[in-house]
Structures are given as C-alpha cells and as structure tokens.
Amino acid sequence: MKSSNGGRFKTKKAVLAVFFLVVSCIVSIFFNYRNLGAFKLIRRELPIYSVETDEKKLSLTFDISWGNDNTSKLLDILDKYKLKATFFLVGGWIDDNKEIVKEIVKRGHELGNHSDKHPDMTTLTKGKITQDILSCDSKIFTLTGQNSKLFRAPSGAYNDLVIKTAEELGKYPIQWNVDSIDWKEQGAEIEYSRVIKNIKPGSILLFHNTAKYTPETLPRIIEKLQAEGYEFVKVSELIYKDNYYINAEGKQIRK
C-alpha cells in the first residue's frame, strides 16, 4: 500500500512552485514599471503634451476651427508683447479666411495642421486620416508656400493609428498640458487662474480664436508669466526634433 505522505509532499511542492512563480512575475513587473515607466508597458502611442526642459520656456497655441471673431485681436495682442505663437488651422476655416491666414504668417507666427474637416479621427481608417491631413497641408502650402511639420488632432482625440499615421506623414503630433478651456466661457478670472496654476517650464498652452474671454485674459497671462521669467516660443522651437522619447504623461524628454 502506497503512503499518502508522498502525494501530499508533491502537492505542496507544486503549490509552492506556482506561488514563487507568481511572486517572481509580480516583482518583475514592478521593477520594469519603475525602470521603464507605464508607457513602455502599455506601448500606447502618444503626442507631445509638454517638453522637459530646465529653461523657462513655453508655447502659446491657438486652435482655429471656425469663425474669425477674435483672430485679429489675438494677433494684435501678440504683436504688443512681441511674441510668436503657433496656430493650428482647420482646412475648412482656411477656405473662408485666406487673407487672415496670410496675415498670421506675415506677422511671424507658425501654422500647424488641425485637419481639413475636423472629424473624429479615431473613427477613421488610415487612408481617410491621411487624406484629411494632406488636404489641409495642401491648403496651407498653396497660401503660404510653407509645409507644416506640426499636427494636432481635432478635439484632441487620438488613438495609436492617428498618431502613427501623422508621424509617417512627417508630423510631430502636438497636444497640450495647460488647457484654458476658454471655449466654455466660464469667466475671465476662472480661465486666468486655471492657466497660471498649471504652468511649468516646457508647457504647451491651449486657447481658441472664438472664445469670449481670451482677448481679456491673454494679456494678463503673458504679463504674469513674463514677470516670472518665462519666454514664449513657437512649438517648433520648444520641442526636440530627434533623440527623444515620450513618457507616460506625454512629456517629451531628451535622451
């Protein structure tokens, strides 16, 4: 008759082996997470939300999808403070505001591609995404003779396919880490405080051309940040063009 002790011993060994295997996997994941960051584990494609830098530099960006209510006012404000900004334009708006587009460039600002029709690109095929981006590119080049290297997804909505497609077209996908949320028009003081409390070196700020309070808050924001020693530069001057990686927060970091 066989002893049951041997069977129990083998069972205990098997349980212990499984236990140590699970613990080993957990420890491995923990250290990989610490060393590589969540982005490496998830492997999600991200746009540039901000830039890691020791210099007190940041970028003003304006999304222009429709209307031209405040565009001229914004240009005058930027002129007053001798600042250059980045304007992300939708192709449909370009069609109706060709002279303003030329004026933006004439005053020394840069243009970014914000799509042609402002679709939700997360619902599109790669072919449709490519077609939409290239259509906007064509309109920018026809009017200004410039090729934009910057792209911002409509409504900031993206997935891996959107980011990869834009990059394959030679674009740097750009998001933001300081959102004025000016389009909600909640009040000048609210928008001012929201921006100021979130500013860091390397920040990318988001505003819109049709927002009611932006012409009022923008000078205050500029004066406050200039007094703190910040320099305003175009996005193309803020970001790194090569030898970088993007962490889990969307921060572009020099290798």
C-alpha atoms as a PDB file:
ATOM      1  CA  MET A   1       0.000   0.000   0.000  1.00  0.00           C
ATOM      2  CA  LYS A   2       1.453   3.421  -1.042  1.00  0.00           C
ATOM      3  CA  SER A   3       1.932   6.129   1.574  1.00  0.00           C
ATOM      4  CA  SER A   4      -0.220   9.261   1.207  1.00  0.00           C
ATOM      5  CA  ASN A   5       2.620  11.384   2.607  1.00  0.00           C
ATOM      6  CA  GLY A   6       4.480  11.269  -0.685  1.00  0.00           C
ATOM      7  CA  GLY A   7       1.453  12.553  -2.588  1.00  0.00           C
ATOM      8  CA  ARG A   8       0.898  15.373  -0.140  1.00  0.00           C
ATOM      9  CA  PHE A   9       4.566  16.313  -0.340  1.00  0.00           C
ATOM     10  CA  LYS A  10       4.421  16.520  -4.143  1.00  0.00           C
ATOM     11  CA  THR A  11       1.256  18.628  -3.947  1.00  0.00           C
ATOM     12  CA  LYS A  12       2.926  21.056  -1.550  1.00  0.00           C
ATOM     13  CA  LYS A  13       5.940  21.333  -3.848  1.00  0.00           C
ATOM     14  CA  ALA A  14       3.690  22.085  -6.815  1.00  0.00           C
ATOM     15  CA  VAL A  15       1.771  24.748  -4.852  1.00  0.00           C
ATOM     16  CA  LEU A  16       4.997  26.364  -3.680  1.00  0.00           C
ATOM     17  CA  ALA A  17       6.394  26.354  -7.200  1.00  0.00           C
ATOM     18  CA  VAL A  18       3.307  28.130  -8.523  1.00  0.00           C
ATOM     19  CA  PHE A  19       3.423  30.607  -5.623  1.00  0.00           C
ATOM     20  CA  PHE A  20       7.055  31.547  -6.243  1.00  0.00           C
ATOM     21  CA  LEU A  21       6.387  31.845  -9.981  1.00  0.00           C
ATOM     22  CA  VAL A  22       3.542  34.311  -9.371  1.00  0.00           C
ATOM     23  CA  VAL A  23       5.640  36.329  -6.902  1.00  0.00           C
ATOM     24  CA  SER A  24       8.515  36.400  -9.383  1.00  0.00           C
ATOM     25  CA  CYS A  25       6.237  37.723 -12.119  1.00  0.00           C
ATOM     26  CA  ILE A  26       4.834  40.431  -9.845  1.00  0.00           C
ATOM     27  CA  VAL A  27       8.300  41.563  -8.753  1.00  0.00           C
ATOM     28  CA  SER A  28       9.484  41.598 -12.356  1.00  0.00           C
ATOM     29  CA  ILE A  29       6.537  43.711 -13.464  1.00  0.00           C
ATOM     30  CA  PHE A  30       7.067  46.106 -10.557  1.00  0.00           C
ATOM     31  CA  PHE A  31      10.735  46.734 -11.342  1.00  0.00           C
ATOM     32  CA  ASN A  32      10.107  47.006 -15.063  1.00  0.00           C
ATOM     33  CA  TYR A  33       7.365  49.521 -14.361  1.00  0.00           C
ATOM     34  CA  ARG A  34       9.722  51.577 -12.179  1.00  0.00           C
ATOM     35  CA  ASN A  35      12.582  51.440 -14.641  1.00  0.00           C
ATOM     36  CA  LEU A  36      10.702  51.788 -17.911  1.00  0.00           C
ATOM     37  CA  GLY A  37       7.510  53.590 -16.957  1.00  0.00           C
ATOM     38  CA  ALA A  38       3.895  52.765 -17.727  1.00  0.00           C
ATOM     39  CA  PHE A  39       4.248  53.908 -21.321  1.00  0.00           C
ATOM     40  CA  LYS A  40       6.727  51.124 -22.036  1.00  0.00           C
ATOM     41  CA  LEU A  41       4.360  48.531 -20.619  1.00  0.00           C
ATOM     42  CA  ILE A  42       1.228  49.807 -22.297  1.00  0.00           C
ATOM     43  CA  ARG A  43       3.052  50.741 -25.503  1.00  0.00           C
ATOM     44  CA  ARG A  44       0.463  53.369 -26.350  1.00  0.00           C
ATOM     45  CA  GLU A  45       1.362  55.958 -28.974  1.00  0.00           C
ATOM     46  CA  LEU A  46       1.261  59.476 -27.532  1.00  0.00           C
ATOM     47  CA  PRO A  47       1.505  63.004 -28.899  1.00  0.00           C
ATOM     48  CA  ILE A  48       3.703  65.635 -27.245  1.00  0.00           C
ATOM     49  CA  TYR A  49       1.864  67.230 -24.327  1.00  0.00           C
ATOM     50  CA  SER A  50       4.837  69.153 -22.953  1.00  0.00           C
ATOM     51  CA  VAL A  51       8.631  69.230 -23.020  1.00  0.00           C
ATOM     52  CA  GLU A  52      11.100  68.503 -20.236  1.00  0.00           C
ATOM     53  CA  THR A  53      13.454  71.470 -20.000  1.00  0.00           C
ATOM     54  CA  ASP A  54      15.357  73.418 -17.364  1.00  0.00           C
ATOM     55  CA  GLU A  55      14.723  76.613 -19.317  1.00  0.00           C
ATOM     56  CA  LYS A  56      11.643  78.681 -18.521  1.00  0.00           C
ATOM     57  CA  LYS A  57      10.184  78.367 -21.998  1.00  0.00           C
ATOM     58  CA  LEU A  58       6.627  77.617 -23.091  1.00  0.00           C
ATOM     59  CA  SER A  59       4.402  77.853 -26.149  1.00  0.00           C
ATOM     60  CA  LEU A  60       1.105  79.579 -26.830  1.00  0.00           C
ATOM     61  CA  THR A  61      -1.124  77.674 -29.240  1.00  0.00           C
ATOM     62  CA  PHE A  62      -4.481  78.564 -30.736  1.00  0.00           C
ATOM     63  CA  ASP A  63      -6.895  76.114 -32.329  1.00  0.00           C
ATOM     64  CA  ILE A  64      -8.899  77.679 -35.132  1.00  0.00           C
ATOM     65  CA  SER A  65     -11.722  75.521 -36.411  1.00  0.00           C
ATOM     66  CA  TRP A  66     -14.434  78.026 -37.311  1.00  0.00           C
ATOM     67  CA  GLY A  67     -15.183  81.724 -37.103  1.00  0.00           C
ATOM     68  CA  ASN A  68     -12.682  84.596 -37.032  1.00  0.00           C
ATOM     69  CA  ASP A  69     -14.186  86.644 -34.204  1.00  0.00           C
ATOM     70  CA  ASN A  70     -11.010  87.275 -32.215  1.00  0.00           C
ATOM     71  CA  THR A  71      -8.209  86.225 -34.529  1.00  0.00           C
ATOM     72  CA  SER A  72      -7.225  89.777 -35.426  1.00  0.00           C
ATOM     73  CA  LYS A  73      -7.409  90.836 -31.765  1.00  0.00           C
ATOM     74  CA  LEU A  74      -5.184  87.938 -30.764  1.00  0.00           C
ATOM     75  CA  LEU A  75      -2.634  88.873 -33.410  1.00  0.00           C
ATOM     76  CA  ASP A  76      -2.579  92.459 -32.133  1.00  0.00           C
ATOM     77  CA  ILE A  77      -2.054  91.271 -28.553  1.00  0.00           C
ATOM     78  CA  LEU A  78       0.845  89.068 -29.608  1.00  0.00           C
ATOM     79  CA  ASP A  79       2.346  91.976 -31.535  1.00  0.00           C
ATOM     80  CA  LYS A  80       2.057  94.217 -28.480  1.00  0.00           C
ATOM     81  CA  TYR A  81       4.137  91.823 -26.401  1.00  0.00           C
ATOM     82  CA  LYS A  82       6.406  90.888 -29.305  1.00  0.00           C
ATOM     83  CA  LEU A  83       5.521  87.205 -29.017  1.00  0.00           C
ATOM     84  CA  LYS A  84       5.261  84.464 -31.603  1.00  0.00           C
ATOM     85  CA  ALA A  85       2.709  81.682 -31.300  1.00  0.00           C
ATOM     86  CA  THR A  86       1.512  78.585 -33.126  1.00  0.00           C
ATOM     87  CA  PHE A  87      -1.887  78.494 -34.816  1.00  0.00           C
ATOM     88  CA  PHE A  88      -3.436  75.116 -35.616  1.00  0.00           C
ATOM     89  CA  LEU A  89      -5.783  75.620 -38.557  1.00  0.00           C
ATOM     90  CA  VAL A  90      -8.628  73.539 -39.941  1.00  0.00           C
ATOM     91  CA  GLY A  91      -8.760  73.411 -43.740  1.00  0.00           C
ATOM     92  CA  GLY A  92     -12.414  74.437 -43.850  1.00  0.00           C
ATOM     93  CA  TRP A  93     -11.583  77.628 -41.948  1.00  0.00           C
ATOM     94  CA  ILE A  94      -8.663  78.299 -44.265  1.00  0.00           C
ATOM     95  CA  ASP A  95     -11.041  78.220 -47.230  1.00  0.00           C
ATOM     96  CA  ASP A  96     -13.062  81.114 -45.802  1.00  0.00           C
ATOM     97  CA  ASN A  97     -10.225  83.145 -44.272  1.00  0.00           C
ATOM     98  CA  LYS A  98      -7.362  83.132 -46.731  1.00  0.00           C
ATOM     99  CA  GLU A  99      -6.236  86.690 -46.055  1.00  0.00           C
ATOM    100  CA  ILE A 100      -6.140  86.129 -42.309  1.00  0.00           C
ATOM    101  CA  VAL A 101      -4.054  83.008 -42.835  1.00  0.00           C
ATOM    102  CA  LYS A 102      -1.569  85.064 -44.800  1.00  0.00           C
ATOM    103  CA  GLU A 103      -1.603  87.720 -42.071  1.00  0.00           C
ATOM    104  CA  ILE A 104      -0.800  85.162 -39.371  1.00  0.00           C
ATOM    105  CA  VAL A 105       2.277  84.093 -41.317  1.00  0.00           C
ATOM    106  CA  LYS A 106       3.208  87.669 -42.212  1.00  0.00           C
ATOM    107  CA  ARG A 107       3.371  88.542 -38.535  1.00  0.00           C
ATOM    108  CA  GLY A 108       5.869  85.761 -37.919  1.00  0.00           C
ATOM    109  CA  HIS A 109       3.706  83.071 -36.365  1.00  0.00           C
ATOM    110  CA  GLU A 110       3.744  79.434 -37.397  1.00  0.00           C
ATOM    111  CA  LEU A 111       0.948  77.246 -38.678  1.00  0.00           C
ATOM    112  CA  GLY A 112       0.033  73.762 -37.598  1.00  0.00           C
ATOM    113  CA  ASN A 113      -2.248  71.248 -39.298  1.00  0.00           C
ATOM    114  CA  HIS A 114      -5.526  70.747 -37.403  1.00  0.00           C
ATOM    115  CA  SER A 115      -7.133  68.530 -40.086  1.00  0.00           C
ATOM    116  CA  ASP A 116      -9.204  69.536 -43.083  1.00  0.00           C
ATOM    117  CA  LYS A 117     -12.763  68.748 -41.965  1.00  0.00           C
ATOM    118  CA  HIS A 118     -12.296  68.432 -38.175  1.00  0.00           C
ATOM    119  CA  PRO A 119     -13.540  64.826 -37.992  1.00  0.00           C
ATOM    120  CA  ASP A 120     -13.225  62.427 -35.097  1.00  0.00           C
ATOM    121  CA  MET A 121     -10.116  60.748 -36.448  1.00  0.00           C
ATOM    122  CA  THR A 122     -10.390  57.841 -34.031  1.00  0.00           C
ATOM    123  CA  THR A 123     -13.278  56.594 -36.185  1.00  0.00           C
ATOM    124  CA  LEU A 124     -11.403  56.832 -39.499  1.00  0.00           C
ATOM    125  CA  THR A 125      -9.290  54.394 -41.468  1.00  0.00           C
ATOM    126  CA  LYS A 126      -5.632  55.121 -42.089  1.00  0.00           C
ATOM    127  CA  GLY A 127      -6.460  56.133 -45.657  1.00  0.00           C
ATOM    128  CA  LYS A 128      -9.094  58.646 -44.539  1.00  0.00           C
ATOM    129  CA  ILE A 129      -6.800  60.098 -41.865  1.00  0.00           C
ATOM    130  CA  THR A 130      -4.025  60.512 -44.424  1.00  0.00           C
ATOM    131  CA  GLN A 131      -6.339  62.130 -46.951  1.00  0.00           C
ATOM    132  CA  ASP A 132      -7.680  64.618 -44.412  1.00  0.00           C
ATOM    133  CA  ILE A 133      -4.243  65.666 -43.144  1.00  0.00           C
ATOM    134  CA  LEU A 134      -2.825  66.031 -46.646  1.00  0.00           C
ATOM    135  CA  SER A 135      -5.816  68.129 -47.765  1.00  0.00           C
ATOM    136  CA  CYS A 136      -5.123  70.648 -45.013  1.00  0.00           C
ATOM    137  CA  ASP A 137      -1.401  70.568 -45.847  1.00  0.00           C
ATOM    138  CA  SER A 138      -2.183  71.417 -49.446  1.00  0.00           C
ATOM    139  CA  LYS A 139      -4.235  74.460 -48.483  1.00  0.00           C
ATOM    140  CA  ILE A 140      -1.545  75.768 -46.145  1.00  0.00           C
ATOM    141  CA  PHE A 141       1.155  75.342 -48.774  1.00  0.00           C
ATOM    142  CA  THR A 142      -0.923  76.931 -51.548  1.00  0.00           C
ATOM    143  CA  LEU A 143      -1.468  80.081 -49.475  1.00  0.00           C
ATOM    144  CA  THR A 144       1.864  80.400 -47.708  1.00  0.00           C
ATOM    145  CA  GLY A 145       4.414  78.243 -49.516  1.00  0.00           C
ATOM    146  CA  GLN A 146       5.128  76.545 -46.189  1.00  0.00           C
ATOM    147  CA  ASN A 147       4.946  72.897 -45.181  1.00  0.00           C
ATOM    148  CA  SER A 148       3.754  72.416 -41.630  1.00  0.00           C
ATOM    149  CA  LYS A 149       5.509  69.778 -39.538  1.00  0.00           C
ATOM    150  CA  LEU A 150       3.048  70.090 -36.648  1.00  0.00           C
ATOM    151  CA  PHE A 151      -0.255  68.279 -36.288  1.00  0.00           C
ATOM    152  CA  ARG A 152      -2.985  68.471 -33.676  1.00  0.00           C
ATOM    153  CA  ALA A 153      -5.854  66.002 -33.772  1.00  0.00           C
ATOM    154  CA  PRO A 154      -9.357  67.517 -33.931  1.00  0.00           C
ATOM    155  CA  SER A 155     -10.795  67.918 -30.416  1.00  0.00           C
ATOM    156  CA  GLY A 156      -7.562  66.366 -29.151  1.00  0.00           C
ATOM    157  CA  ALA A 157      -8.997  62.910 -29.900  1.00  0.00           C
ATOM    158  CA  TYR A 158      -6.446  60.316 -30.974  1.00  0.00           C
ATOM    159  CA  ASN A 159      -5.534  56.656 -30.908  1.00  0.00           C
ATOM    160  CA  ASP A 160      -2.447  54.715 -31.955  1.00  0.00           C
ATOM    161  CA  LEU A 161      -3.451  54.807 -35.627  1.00  0.00           C
ATOM    162  CA  VAL A 162      -3.899  58.585 -35.648  1.00  0.00           C
ATOM    163  CA  ILE A 163      -0.503  59.215 -34.044  1.00  0.00           C
ATOM    164  CA  LYS A 164       1.366  56.700 -36.190  1.00  0.00           C
ATOM    165  CA  THR A 165      -0.223  57.991 -39.402  1.00  0.00           C
ATOM    166  CA  ALA A 166       0.646  61.597 -38.584  1.00  0.00           C
ATOM    167  CA  GLU A 167       4.232  60.626 -37.797  1.00  0.00           C
ATOM    168  CA  GLU A 168       4.530  58.668 -41.033  1.00  0.00           C
ATOM    169  CA  LEU A 169       3.490  61.868 -42.823  1.00  0.00           C
ATOM    170  CA  GLY A 170       6.418  63.663 -41.209  1.00  0.00           C
ATOM    171  CA  LYS A 171       4.435  65.370 -38.454  1.00  0.00           C
ATOM    172  CA  TYR A 172       5.072  65.941 -34.792  1.00  0.00           C
ATOM    173  CA  PRO A 173       1.705  65.277 -33.089  1.00  0.00           C
ATOM    174  CA  ILE A 174       1.134  68.063 -30.566  1.00  0.00           C
ATOM    175  CA  GLN A 175      -1.275  68.100 -27.651  1.00  0.00           C
ATOM    176  CA  TRP A 176      -1.177  70.436 -24.619  1.00  0.00           C
ATOM    177  CA  ASN A 177      -0.710  70.228 -20.859  1.00  0.00           C
ATOM    178  CA  VAL A 178      -2.279  73.586 -19.949  1.00  0.00           C
ATOM    179  CA  ASP A 179      -5.858  73.962 -21.146  1.00  0.00           C
ATOM    180  CA  SER A 180      -7.569  77.318 -20.682  1.00  0.00           C
ATOM    181  CA  ILE A 181     -10.909  75.647 -21.522  1.00  0.00           C
ATOM    182  CA  ASP A 182     -11.760  79.100 -22.832  1.00  0.00           C
ATOM    183  CA  TRP A 183     -14.406  77.701 -25.189  1.00  0.00           C
ATOM    184  CA  LYS A 184     -16.677  77.081 -22.179  1.00  0.00           C
ATOM    185  CA  GLU A 185     -16.597  80.830 -21.464  1.00  0.00           C
ATOM    186  CA  GLN A 186     -16.825  80.388 -17.683  1.00  0.00           C
ATOM    187  CA  GLY A 187     -15.321  83.778 -16.919  1.00  0.00           C
ATOM    188  CA  ALA A 188     -12.046  85.678 -17.316  1.00  0.00           C
ATOM    189  CA  GLU A 189     -10.851  85.137 -13.733  1.00  0.00           C
ATOM    190  CA  ILE A 190     -11.544  81.394 -13.830  1.00  0.00           C
ATOM    191  CA  GLU A 191      -9.641  80.977 -17.093  1.00  0.00           C
ATOM    192  CA  TYR A 192      -6.728  83.105 -15.902  1.00  0.00           C
ATOM    193  CA  SER A 193      -6.348  81.147 -12.655  1.00  0.00           C
ATOM    194  CA  ARG A 194      -6.712  77.810 -14.427  1.00  0.00           C
ATOM    195  CA  VAL A 195      -3.804  78.600 -16.736  1.00  0.00           C
ATOM    196  CA  ILE A 196      -1.458  80.191 -14.211  1.00  0.00           C
ATOM    197  CA  LYS A 197      -1.692  77.412 -11.638  1.00  0.00           C
ATOM    198  CA  ASN A 198      -0.744  74.745 -14.172  1.00  0.00           C
ATOM    199  CA  ILE A 199       2.233  76.422 -15.832  1.00  0.00           C
ATOM    200  CA  LYS A 200       5.620  74.685 -15.788  1.00  0.00           C
ATOM    201  CA  PRO A 201       8.761  75.051 -17.924  1.00  0.00           C
ATOM    202  CA  GLY A 202       8.095  73.336 -21.253  1.00  0.00           C
ATOM    203  CA  SER A 203       4.330  73.807 -21.105  1.00  0.00           C
ATOM    204  CA  ILE A 204       2.133  73.986 -24.190  1.00  0.00           C
ATOM    205  CA  LEU A 205      -0.919  76.208 -23.661  1.00  0.00           C
ATOM    206  CA  LEU A 206      -4.228  75.841 -25.499  1.00  0.00           C
ATOM    207  CA  PHE A 207      -6.591  78.671 -26.475  1.00  0.00           C
ATOM    208  CA  HIS A 208      -9.232  79.188 -29.176  1.00  0.00           C
ATOM    209  CA  ASN A 209      -9.896  82.055 -31.555  1.00  0.00           C
ATOM    210  CA  THR A 210     -13.623  82.388 -30.863  1.00  0.00           C
ATOM    211  CA  ALA A 211     -13.584  82.261 -27.052  1.00  0.00           C
ATOM    212  CA  LYS A 212     -15.201  85.285 -25.408  1.00  0.00           C
ATOM    213  CA  TYR A 213     -12.704  85.998 -22.628  1.00  0.00           C
ATOM    214  CA  THR A 214      -9.389  85.084 -24.254  1.00  0.00           C
ATOM    215  CA  PRO A 215      -8.592  88.612 -25.504  1.00  0.00           C
ATOM    216  CA  GLU A 216      -9.100  89.779 -21.910  1.00  0.00           C
ATOM    217  CA  THR A 217      -7.164  87.039 -20.126  1.00  0.00           C
ATOM    218  CA  LEU A 218      -4.281  86.625 -22.572  1.00  0.00           C
ATOM    219  CA  PRO A 219      -2.513  89.937 -21.760  1.00  0.00           C
ATOM    220  CA  ARG A 220      -2.754  89.198 -18.021  1.00  0.00           C
ATOM    221  CA  ILE A 221      -1.349  85.708 -18.535  1.00  0.00           C
ATOM    222  CA  ILE A 222       1.500  86.980 -20.696  1.00  0.00           C
ATOM    223  CA  GLU A 223       2.434  89.765 -18.271  1.00  0.00           C
ATOM    224  CA  LYS A 224       2.316  87.451 -15.255  1.00  0.00           C
ATOM    225  CA  LEU A 225       4.496  84.791 -16.873  1.00  0.00           C
ATOM    226  CA  GLN A 226       6.964  87.273 -18.334  1.00  0.00           C
ATOM    227  CA  ALA A 227       7.351  88.773 -14.858  1.00  0.00           C
ATOM    228  CA  GLU A 228       8.213  85.268 -13.627  1.00  0.00           C
ATOM    229  CA  GLY A 229      10.920  84.981 -16.255  1.00  0.00           C
ATOM    230  CA  TYR A 230       9.167  82.845 -18.854  1.00  0.00           C
ATOM    231  CA  GLU A 231       9.974  83.109 -22.550  1.00  0.00           C
ATOM    232  CA  PHE A 232       7.310  82.408 -25.169  1.00  0.00           C
ATOM    233  CA  VAL A 233       8.455  80.453 -28.217  1.00  0.00           C
ATOM    234  CA  LYS A 234       6.791  78.698 -31.126  1.00  0.00           C
ATOM    235  CA  VAL A 235       6.106  74.993 -30.711  1.00  0.00           C
ATOM    236  CA  SER A 236       8.701  74.110 -33.337  1.00  0.00           C
ATOM    237  CA  GLU A 237      11.280  75.937 -31.209  1.00  0.00           C
ATOM    238  CA  LEU A 238      10.180  74.268 -27.976  1.00  0.00           C
ATOM    239  CA  ILE A 239      10.117  70.594 -28.955  1.00  0.00           C
ATOM    240  CA  TYR A 240      13.062  68.290 -29.639  1.00  0.00           C
ATOM    241  CA  LYS A 241      13.296  67.096 -33.234  1.00  0.00           C
ATOM    242  CA  ASP A 242      15.267  63.923 -32.590  1.00  0.00           C
ATOM    243  CA  ASN A 243      16.905  61.812 -29.866  1.00  0.00           C
ATOM    244  CA  TYR A 244      13.931  61.936 -27.532  1.00  0.00           C
ATOM    245  CA  TYR A 245      11.260  59.736 -26.026  1.00  0.00           C
ATOM    246  CA  ILE A 246       7.787  60.451 -24.668  1.00  0.00           C
ATOM    247  CA  ASN A 247       6.929  59.266 -21.175  1.00  0.00           C
ATOM    248  CA  ALA A 248       3.583  58.108 -19.822  1.00  0.00           C
ATOM    249  CA  GLU A 249       2.487  61.702 -19.207  1.00  0.00           C
ATOM    250  CA  GLY A 250       3.152  62.706 -22.790  1.00  0.00           C
ATOM    251  CA  LYS A 251       6.242  64.681 -21.804  1.00  0.00           C
ATOM    252  CA  GLN A 252       8.950  64.802 -24.452  1.00  0.00           C
ATOM    253  CA  ILE A 253      12.309  64.015 -22.866  1.00  0.00           C
ATOM    254  CA  ARG A 254      15.784  64.299 -24.350  1.00  0.00           C
ATOM    255  CA  LYS A 255      17.688  61.006 -24.417  1.00  0.00           C
END
